[in-house]
PDB file of N, CA and C in Angstrom:
ATOM      1  N   MET A   1     -11.695 -36.042 -11.878  1.00  0.00           N
ATOM      2  CA  MET A   1     -10.769 -34.944 -12.301  1.00  0.00           C
ATOM      3  C   MET A   1     -11.258 -33.728 -11.305  1.00  0.00           C
ATOM      4  N   ILE A   2     -10.484 -32.688 -11.316  1.00  0.00           N
ATOM      5  CA  ILE A   2     -10.370 -31.343 -10.848  1.00  0.00           C
ATOM      6  C   ILE A   2      -9.779 -30.505 -11.574  1.00  0.00           C
ATOM      7  N   LYS A   3     -10.853 -29.552 -11.717  1.00  0.00           N
ATOM      8  CA  LYS A   3     -10.487 -27.970 -12.258  1.00  0.00           C
ATOM      9  C   LYS A   3     -10.726 -27.221 -11.599  1.00  0.00           C
ATOM     10  N   ILE A   4      -9.904 -26.164 -11.271  1.00  0.00           N
ATOM     11  CA  ILE A   4     -10.006 -24.859 -10.357  1.00  0.00           C
ATOM     12  C   ILE A   4     -10.142 -23.765 -11.552  1.00  0.00           C
ATOM     13  N   TYR A   5     -11.154 -22.258 -11.456  1.00  0.00           N
ATOM     14  CA  TYR A   5     -11.124 -21.757 -11.707  1.00  0.00           C
ATOM     15  C   TYR A   5     -10.524 -20.480 -10.731  1.00  0.00           C
ATOM     16  N   THR A   6      -9.788 -19.744 -11.595  1.00  0.00           N
ATOM     17  CA  THR A   6      -9.015 -18.660 -10.788  1.00  0.00           C
ATOM     18  C   THR A   6      -9.025 -17.590 -11.495  1.00  0.00           C
ATOM     19  N   THR A   7      -8.011 -16.082 -10.940  1.00  0.00           N
ATOM     20  CA  THR A   7      -7.699 -15.306 -11.868  1.00  0.00           C
ATOM     21  C   THR A   7      -6.323 -15.137 -11.047  1.00  0.00           C
ATOM     22  N   SER A   8      -5.675 -14.205 -11.703  1.00  0.00           N
ATOM     23  CA  SER A   8      -4.066 -14.448 -11.279  1.00  0.00           C
ATOM     24  C   SER A   8      -3.498 -13.332 -10.376  1.00  0.00           C
ATOM     25  N   THR A   9      -4.804 -12.530  -9.876  1.00  0.00           N
ATOM     26  CA  THR A   9      -4.856 -11.412  -8.817  1.00  0.00           C
ATOM     27  C   THR A   9      -5.375 -12.026  -7.287  1.00  0.00           C
ATOM     28  N   CYS A  10      -5.804 -13.086  -7.721  1.00  0.00           N
ATOM     29  CA  CYS A  10      -6.997 -13.786  -6.189  1.00  0.00           C
ATOM     30  C   CYS A  10      -5.906 -14.662  -5.440  1.00  0.00           C
ATOM     31  N   PRO A  11      -5.815 -13.990  -4.057  1.00  0.00           N
ATOM     32  CA  PRO A  11      -4.897 -14.841  -3.130  1.00  0.00           C
ATOM     33  C   PRO A  11      -5.762 -16.243  -2.622  1.00  0.00           C
ATOM     34  N   TYR A  12      -7.215 -16.281  -2.420  1.00  0.00           N
ATOM     35  CA  TYR A  12      -7.777 -17.389  -2.024  1.00  0.00           C
ATOM     36  C   TYR A  12      -7.154 -18.595  -3.275  1.00  0.00           C
ATOM     37  N   CYS A  13      -6.892 -18.468  -4.574  1.00  0.00           N
ATOM     38  CA  CYS A  13      -6.501 -19.175  -5.613  1.00  0.00           C
ATOM     39  C   CYS A  13      -5.523 -19.994  -5.341  1.00  0.00           C
ATOM     40  N   GLU A  14      -4.321 -19.038  -5.265  1.00  0.00           N
ATOM     41  CA  GLU A  14      -3.419 -19.305  -4.756  1.00  0.00           C
ATOM     42  C   GLU A  14      -3.160 -20.228  -3.392  1.00  0.00           C
ATOM     43  N   MET A  15      -4.100 -20.380  -2.587  1.00  0.00           N
ATOM     44  CA  MET A  15      -4.524 -20.732  -0.989  1.00  0.00           C
ATOM     45  C   MET A  15      -4.852 -22.194  -1.745  1.00  0.00           C
ATOM     46  N   VAL A  16      -6.020 -22.309  -2.565  1.00  0.00           N
ATOM     47  CA  VAL A  16      -6.706 -23.624  -2.889  1.00  0.00           C
ATOM     48  C   VAL A  16      -5.700 -24.202  -3.629  1.00  0.00           C
ATOM     49  N   LYS A  17      -4.794 -23.804  -4.013  1.00  0.00           N
ATOM     50  CA  LYS A  17      -3.711 -24.418  -5.665  1.00  0.00           C
ATOM     51  C   LYS A  17      -2.312 -24.937  -4.479  1.00  0.00           C
ATOM     52  N   GLU A  18      -2.135 -24.426  -3.394  1.00  0.00           N
ATOM     53  CA  GLU A  18      -0.851 -24.463  -2.224  1.00  0.00           C
ATOM     54  C   GLU A  18      -1.850 -25.828  -1.901  1.00  0.00           C
ATOM     55  N   TYR A  19      -2.969 -25.487  -1.076  1.00  0.00           N
ATOM     56  CA  TYR A  19      -3.299 -26.655  -0.406  1.00  0.00           C
ATOM     57  C   TYR A  19      -4.156 -28.329  -1.518  1.00  0.00           C
ATOM     58  N   LEU A  20      -4.041 -28.296  -2.640  1.00  0.00           N
ATOM     59  CA  LEU A  20      -3.824 -29.394  -3.147  1.00  0.00           C
ATOM     60  C   LEU A  20      -2.959 -30.057  -3.512  1.00  0.00           C
ATOM     61  N   LYS A  21      -2.121 -29.320  -3.808  1.00  0.00           N
ATOM     62  CA  LYS A  21      -0.566 -29.577  -4.136  1.00  0.00           C
ATOM     63  C   LYS A  21      -0.035 -30.195  -3.021  1.00  0.00           C
ATOM     64  N   GLU A  22      -0.320 -29.781  -1.894  1.00  0.00           N
ATOM     65  CA  GLU A  22       0.197 -30.371  -0.263  1.00  0.00           C
ATOM     66  C   GLU A  22      -0.719 -31.951  -0.458  1.00  0.00           C
ATOM     67  N   ARG A  23      -1.915 -32.095  -1.021  1.00  0.00           N
ATOM     68  CA  ARG A  23      -2.611 -33.328  -0.765  1.00  0.00           C
ATOM     69  C   ARG A  23      -2.361 -34.081  -1.683  1.00  0.00           C
ATOM     70  N   ASN A  24      -1.482 -33.831  -2.630  1.00  0.00           N
ATOM     71  CA  ASN A  24      -0.790 -34.541  -3.791  1.00  0.00           C
ATOM     72  C   ASN A  24      -2.235 -34.863  -5.174  1.00  0.00           C
ATOM     73  N   ALA A  25      -2.705 -34.150  -5.305  1.00  0.00           N
ATOM     74  CA  ALA A  25      -3.796 -33.791  -5.933  1.00  0.00           C
ATOM     75  C   ALA A  25      -3.521 -33.264  -7.311  1.00  0.00           C
ATOM     76  N   GLU A  26      -3.788 -33.438  -8.407  1.00  0.00           N
ATOM     77  CA  GLU A  26      -3.580 -33.196  -9.754  1.00  0.00           C
ATOM     78  C   GLU A  26      -4.737 -32.305 -10.114  1.00  0.00           C
ATOM     79  N   TYR A  27      -4.458 -31.069 -10.487  1.00  0.00           N
ATOM     80  CA  TYR A  27      -5.953 -30.190 -10.732  1.00  0.00           C
ATOM     81  C   TYR A  27      -5.221 -29.452 -12.021  1.00  0.00           C
ATOM     82  N   GLU A  28      -6.577 -29.300 -12.731  1.00  0.00           N
ATOM     83  CA  GLU A  28      -6.193 -28.320 -14.109  1.00  0.00           C
ATOM     84  C   GLU A  28      -6.515 -26.498 -13.811  1.00  0.00           C
ATOM     85  N   GLU A  29      -5.841 -26.040 -13.946  1.00  0.00           N
ATOM     86  CA  GLU A  29      -6.156 -24.341 -13.585  1.00  0.00           C
ATOM     87  C   GLU A  29      -6.718 -23.840 -15.172  1.00  0.00           C
ATOM     88  N   HIS A  30      -7.654 -23.021 -14.939  1.00  0.00           N
ATOM     89  CA  HIS A  30      -8.469 -22.069 -15.982  1.00  0.00           C
ATOM     90  C   HIS A  30      -8.541 -20.781 -15.189  1.00  0.00           C
ATOM     91  N   ASP A  31      -7.587 -20.005 -15.990  1.00  0.00           N
ATOM     92  CA  ASP A  31      -7.885 -18.720 -15.596  1.00  0.00           C
ATOM     93  C   ASP A  31      -8.944 -17.573 -16.066  1.00  0.00           C
ATOM     94  N   VAL A  32     -10.005 -17.407 -15.553  1.00  0.00           N
ATOM     95  CA  VAL A  32     -11.314 -16.941 -16.322  1.00  0.00           C
ATOM     96  C   VAL A  32     -10.956 -15.114 -16.304  1.00  0.00           C
ATOM     97  N   SER A  33      -9.852 -14.928 -16.182  1.00  0.00           N
ATOM     98  CA  SER A  33      -9.677 -13.344 -16.341  1.00  0.00           C
ATOM     99  C   SER A  33      -9.272 -13.204 -17.953  1.00  0.00           C
ATOM    100  N   ASN A  34      -8.322 -14.319 -18.255  1.00  0.00           N
ATOM    101  CA  ASN A  34      -8.425 -14.192 -20.003  1.00  0.00           C
ATOM    102  C   ASN A  34      -8.517 -14.987 -20.858  1.00  0.00           C
ATOM    103  N   ASP A  35      -9.944 -15.898 -20.037  1.00  0.00           N
ATOM    104  CA  ASP A  35     -10.283 -17.081 -20.964  1.00  0.00           C
ATOM    105  C   ASP A  35     -11.728 -17.077 -21.090  1.00  0.00           C
ATOM    106  N   GLU A  36     -12.429 -16.625 -22.270  1.00  0.00           N
ATOM    107  CA  GLU A  36     -13.543 -16.285 -22.041  1.00  0.00           C
ATOM    108  C   GLU A  36     -14.825 -17.767 -21.936  1.00  0.00           C
ATOM    109  N   ALA A  37     -13.944 -18.815 -22.906  1.00  0.00           N
ATOM    110  CA  ALA A  37     -14.832 -19.967 -22.645  1.00  0.00           C
ATOM    111  C   ALA A  37     -14.840 -20.548 -21.109  1.00  0.00           C
ATOM    112  N   SER A  38     -13.743 -20.331 -20.505  1.00  0.00           N
ATOM    113  CA  SER A  38     -13.617 -21.051 -18.962  1.00  0.00           C
ATOM    114  C   SER A  38     -14.867 -20.085 -17.846  1.00  0.00           C
ATOM    115  N   GLN A  39     -14.361 -18.645 -18.349  1.00  0.00           N
ATOM    116  CA  GLN A  39     -15.298 -18.008 -17.528  1.00  0.00           C
ATOM    117  C   GLN A  39     -16.884 -18.360 -17.909  1.00  0.00           C
ATOM    118  N   LYS A  40     -17.370 -18.963 -18.803  1.00  0.00           N
ATOM    119  CA  LYS A  40     -18.578 -19.297 -19.283  1.00  0.00           C
ATOM    120  C   LYS A  40     -19.073 -20.447 -18.497  1.00  0.00           C
ATOM    121  N   GLU A  41     -17.958 -21.631 -18.824  1.00  0.00           N
ATOM    122  CA  GLU A  41     -18.096 -22.674 -18.180  1.00  0.00           C
ATOM    123  C   GLU A  41     -18.400 -22.507 -16.455  1.00  0.00           C
ATOM    124  N   MET A  42     -17.645 -21.781 -15.971  1.00  0.00           N
ATOM    125  CA  MET A  42     -17.613 -21.718 -14.392  1.00  0.00           C
ATOM    126  C   MET A  42     -18.752 -20.902 -14.022  1.00  0.00           C
ATOM    127  N   LEU A  43     -19.467 -19.852 -15.146  1.00  0.00           N
ATOM    128  CA  LEU A  43     -20.515 -19.212 -14.353  1.00  0.00           C
ATOM    129  C   LEU A  43     -22.003 -20.461 -14.522  1.00  0.00           C
ATOM    130  N   ALA A  44     -21.374 -21.216 -15.561  1.00  0.00           N
ATOM    131  CA  ALA A  44     -22.742 -22.223 -15.891  1.00  0.00           C
ATOM    132  C   ALA A  44     -22.705 -23.227 -14.287  1.00  0.00           C
ATOM    133  N   LYS A  45     -21.622 -23.687 -14.123  1.00  0.00           N
ATOM    134  CA  LYS A  45     -21.176 -24.444 -12.951  1.00  0.00           C
ATOM    135  C   LYS A  45     -21.594 -23.610 -11.786  1.00  0.00           C
ATOM    136  N   SER A  46     -21.591 -22.668 -11.298  1.00  0.00           N
ATOM    137  CA  SER A  46     -21.610 -21.852 -10.195  1.00  0.00           C
ATOM    138  C   SER A  46     -22.381 -21.020 -10.126  1.00  0.00           C
ATOM    139  N   HIS A  47     -22.708 -20.496 -11.561  1.00  0.00           N
ATOM    140  CA  HIS A  47     -24.268 -19.186 -11.111  1.00  0.00           C
ATOM    141  C   HIS A  47     -23.653 -17.836 -10.422  1.00  0.00           C
ATOM    142  N   GLN A  48     -22.082 -17.409 -10.636  1.00  0.00           N
ATOM    143  CA  GLN A  48     -21.550 -16.542  -9.774  1.00  0.00           C
ATOM    144  C   GLN A  48     -20.314 -16.114 -10.331  1.00  0.00           C
ATOM    145  N   MET A  49     -19.681 -14.966 -10.379  1.00  0.00           N
ATOM    146  CA  MET A  49     -18.568 -14.799 -10.959  1.00  0.00           C
ATOM    147  C   MET A  49     -17.245 -14.601  -9.702  1.00  0.00           C
ATOM    148  N   GLY A  50     -17.342 -15.003  -8.513  1.00  0.00           N
ATOM    149  CA  GLY A  50     -16.814 -15.039  -7.682  1.00  0.00           C
ATOM    150  C   GLY A  50     -15.740 -16.368  -8.287  1.00  0.00           C
ATOM    151  N   VAL A  51     -14.280 -16.192  -7.631  1.00  0.00           N
ATOM    152  CA  VAL A  51     -13.207 -16.939  -7.927  1.00  0.00           C
ATOM    153  C   VAL A  51     -12.419 -17.543  -6.184  1.00  0.00           C
ATOM    154  N   PRO A  52     -12.098 -18.535  -5.655  1.00  0.00           N
ATOM    155  CA  PRO A  52     -11.915 -19.660  -6.597  1.00  0.00           C
ATOM    156  C   PRO A  52     -13.255 -20.678  -6.771  1.00  0.00           C
ATOM    157  N   VAL A  53     -13.414 -21.135  -7.970  1.00  0.00           N
ATOM    158  CA  VAL A  53     -14.134 -22.057  -8.066  1.00  0.00           C
ATOM    159  C   VAL A  53     -13.662 -23.602  -8.542  1.00  0.00           C
ATOM    160  N   ILE A  54     -13.928 -24.722  -7.521  1.00  0.00           N
ATOM    161  CA  ILE A  54     -13.337 -25.751  -7.667  1.00  0.00           C
ATOM    162  C   ILE A  54     -14.239 -26.673  -8.159  1.00  0.00           C
ATOM    163  N   ASP A  55     -14.268 -27.158  -9.188  1.00  0.00           N
ATOM    164  CA  ASP A  55     -14.889 -28.649  -9.320  1.00  0.00           C
ATOM    165  C   ASP A  55     -14.083 -30.178  -9.400  1.00  0.00           C
ATOM    166  N   ILE A  56     -14.895 -30.825  -8.278  1.00  0.00           N
ATOM    167  CA  ILE A  56     -13.835 -32.254  -7.871  1.00  0.00           C
ATOM    168  C   ILE A  56     -14.983 -32.989  -8.690  1.00  0.00           C
ATOM    169  N   ASP A  57     -14.541 -33.848  -9.242  1.00  0.00           N
ATOM    170  CA  ASP A  57     -15.733 -35.098  -9.980  1.00  0.00           C
ATOM    171  C   ASP A  57     -17.148 -34.626  -9.954  1.00  0.00           C
ATOM    172  N   GLY A  58     -17.458 -32.969 -10.638  1.00  0.00           N
ATOM    173  CA  GLY A  58     -18.456 -32.589 -10.526  1.00  0.00           C
ATOM    174  C   GLY A  58     -19.130 -32.150  -9.264  1.00  0.00           C
ATOM    175  N   THR A  59     -18.591 -32.291  -7.938  1.00  0.00           N
ATOM    176  CA  THR A  59     -18.728 -31.323  -7.235  1.00  0.00           C
ATOM    177  C   THR A  59     -18.175 -29.778  -6.913  1.00  0.00           C
ATOM    178  N   ILE A  60     -19.115 -28.787  -7.098  1.00  0.00           N
ATOM    179  CA  ILE A  60     -19.004 -27.441  -7.104  1.00  0.00           C
ATOM    180  C   ILE A  60     -18.683 -27.174  -5.716  1.00  0.00           C
ATOM    181  N   ILE A  61     -17.211 -25.909  -5.418  1.00  0.00           N
ATOM    182  CA  ILE A  61     -16.910 -25.478  -4.470  1.00  0.00           C
ATOM    183  C   ILE A  61     -17.006 -24.471  -4.409  1.00  0.00           C
ATOM    184  N   ILE A  62     -17.429 -23.355  -3.721  1.00  0.00           N
ATOM    185  CA  ILE A  62     -16.941 -21.583  -4.509  1.00  0.00           C
ATOM    186  C   ILE A  62     -16.114 -21.319  -3.120  1.00  0.00           C
ATOM    187  N   GLY A  63     -15.030 -21.056  -3.314  1.00  0.00           N
ATOM    188  CA  GLY A  63     -14.063 -20.132  -2.448  1.00  0.00           C
ATOM    189  C   GLY A  63     -13.467 -21.615  -1.919  1.00  0.00           C
ATOM    190  N   PHE A  64     -12.122 -21.191  -0.940  1.00  0.00           N
ATOM    191  CA  PHE A  64     -11.329 -21.955  -0.601  1.00  0.00           C
ATOM    192  C   PHE A  64     -11.943 -22.382   1.069  1.00  0.00           C
ATOM    193  N   ASN A  65     -12.655 -23.862   0.978  1.00  0.00           N
ATOM    194  CA  ASN A  65     -13.186 -24.528   1.828  1.00  0.00           C
ATOM    195  C   ASN A  65     -12.641 -25.975   2.361  1.00  0.00           C
ATOM    196  N   ARG A  66     -11.593 -25.764   3.075  1.00  0.00           N
ATOM    197  CA  ARG A  66     -10.939 -27.190   3.297  1.00  0.00           C
ATOM    198  C   ARG A  66     -11.913 -27.985   3.553  1.00  0.00           C
ATOM    199  N   GLY A  67     -12.986 -27.946   4.352  1.00  0.00           N
ATOM    200  CA  GLY A  67     -13.547 -29.078   4.827  1.00  0.00           C
ATOM    201  C   GLY A  67     -14.398 -29.367   3.809  1.00  0.00           C
ATOM    202  N   GLU A  68     -15.024 -28.659   2.781  1.00  0.00           N
ATOM    203  CA  GLU A  68     -15.548 -29.421   1.751  1.00  0.00           C
ATOM    204  C   GLU A  68     -14.817 -30.045   0.541  1.00  0.00           C
ATOM    205  N   ILE A  69     -13.352 -29.566   0.624  1.00  0.00           N
ATOM    206  CA  ILE A  69     -12.330 -29.982  -0.501  1.00  0.00           C
ATOM    207  C   ILE A  69     -12.445 -31.117  -0.163  1.00  0.00           C
ATOM    208  N   ASP A  70     -12.146 -31.188   1.545  1.00  0.00           N
ATOM    209  CA  ASP A  70     -11.360 -32.432   1.744  1.00  0.00           C
ATOM    210  C   ASP A  70     -12.382 -33.701   1.742  1.00  0.00           C
ATOM    211  N   LYS A  71     -13.726 -33.310   1.853  1.00  0.00           N
ATOM    212  CA  LYS A  71     -15.062 -34.220   1.670  1.00  0.00           C
ATOM    213  C   LYS A  71     -15.147 -34.430   0.394  1.00  0.00           C
ATOM    214  N   ALA A  72     -14.865 -33.948  -0.978  1.00  0.00           N
ATOM    215  CA  ALA A  72     -14.838 -34.118  -2.270  1.00  0.00           C
ATOM    216  C   ALA A  72     -13.822 -34.954  -2.720  1.00  0.00           C
ATOM    217  N   LEU A  73     -12.572 -34.716  -2.096  1.00  0.00           N
ATOM    218  CA  LEU A  73     -11.652 -35.844  -2.268  1.00  0.00           C
ATOM    219  C   LEU A  73     -11.758 -36.654  -1.877  1.00  0.00           C
ATOM    220  N   ASN A  74     -12.675 -37.234  -0.868  1.00  0.00           N
ATOM    221  CA  ASN A  74     -12.121 -38.481  -0.225  1.00  0.00           C
ATOM    222  C   ASN A  74     -13.618 -39.237  -0.440  1.00  0.00           C
ATOM    223  N   LYS A  75     -14.677 -38.923  -1.714  1.00  0.00           N
ATOM    224  CA  LYS A  75     -15.510 -39.398  -1.922  1.00  0.00           C
ATOM    225  C   LYS A  75     -15.304 -41.146  -2.681  1.00  0.00           C
TER     226      LYS A  75
END
């Protein structure tokens, strides 16, 4: 399962979503700017407030990093 923690004003969040769509990878999006539970969940996983934070089957990726995303998707 893929979870993406985002905000509506984050350009890198949009890039991550587009990249995952190109790879036909389904994901769940959580907007941390208006969802306190998701914000706490993201903080517990990443220990920071920056977005995007991507959780791919327990692998946490901070920011839009194609190489790390590909590596996590190909496990």
